[in-house]
């Protein structure tokens, strides 16, 4: 059985790359950074913290 965990969108702004993350536990949040690597690091760190603290089902 599949279960929705999160949705991640990457957008290019005028000066920054933008990531929008949506999850049931964390809601919707947005990250901005001048490079893809930096914004991806932000998203990965946030999601890792969220999923490590989530109760196991």
Protein backbone atom coordinates (compact mmCIF):
# COMPACT_ATOMS: atom_id res chain seq x y z
CA UNK A 1 0.00 0.00 0.00
CA UNK A 2 1.30 3.46 -0.89
CA UNK A 3 1.03 6.38 1.46
CA UNK A 4 1.52 10.10 0.72
CA UNK A 5 4.61 11.36 2.55
CA UNK A 6 5.40 14.71 0.98
CA UNK A 7 5.40 16.80 -2.15
CA UNK A 8 8.39 18.85 -3.30
CA UNK A 9 8.36 21.47 -6.07
CA UNK A 10 11.42 23.27 -7.39
CA UNK A 11 10.96 26.66 -9.04
CA UNK A 12 13.38 29.19 -10.46
CA UNK A 13 12.92 32.71 -9.11
CA UNK A 14 14.60 35.86 -10.47
CA UNK A 15 17.69 35.37 -8.28
CA UNK A 16 17.11 32.19 -6.26
CA UNK A 17 16.01 28.61 -6.67
CA UNK A 18 12.86 27.99 -4.63
CA UNK A 19 11.69 24.71 -3.11
CA UNK A 20 8.14 24.29 -1.82
CA UNK A 21 7.61 21.32 0.44
CA UNK A 22 4.23 20.07 1.60
CA UNK A 23 3.64 17.30 4.13
CA UNK A 24 0.90 16.39 6.57
CA UNK A 25 3.18 16.80 9.58
CA UNK A 26 4.98 19.98 8.52
CA UNK A 27 2.40 21.72 6.36
CA UNK A 28 3.63 23.89 3.49
CA UNK A 29 6.98 25.63 3.69
CA UNK A 30 9.32 27.33 1.27
CA UNK A 31 13.11 27.44 1.01
CA UNK A 32 15.25 29.79 -1.09
CA UNK A 33 18.92 29.66 -1.99
CA UNK A 34 21.12 30.97 -4.81
CA UNK A 35 22.16 27.45 -5.90
CA UNK A 36 20.42 24.13 -6.42
CA UNK A 37 22.78 22.35 -4.03
CA UNK A 38 22.05 24.79 -1.21
CA UNK A 39 18.26 24.61 -1.53
CA UNK A 40 18.33 20.81 -1.86
CA UNK A 41 20.45 20.59 1.31
CA UNK A 42 17.84 22.67 3.16
CA UNK A 43 14.99 20.44 1.97
CA UNK A 44 16.82 17.20 2.78
CA UNK A 45 17.79 18.38 6.28
CA UNK A 46 14.25 19.51 7.07
CA UNK A 47 12.62 16.33 5.79
CA UNK A 48 15.16 14.14 7.57
CA UNK A 49 14.38 15.84 10.89
CA UNK A 50 10.64 15.59 10.24
CA UNK A 51 10.68 11.89 9.37
CA UNK A 52 13.08 10.90 12.14
CA UNK A 53 10.83 12.50 14.75
CA UNK A 54 7.60 11.09 13.27
CA UNK A 55 6.06 8.11 15.06
CA UNK A 56 6.38 4.80 13.19
CA UNK A 57 3.15 3.39 11.82
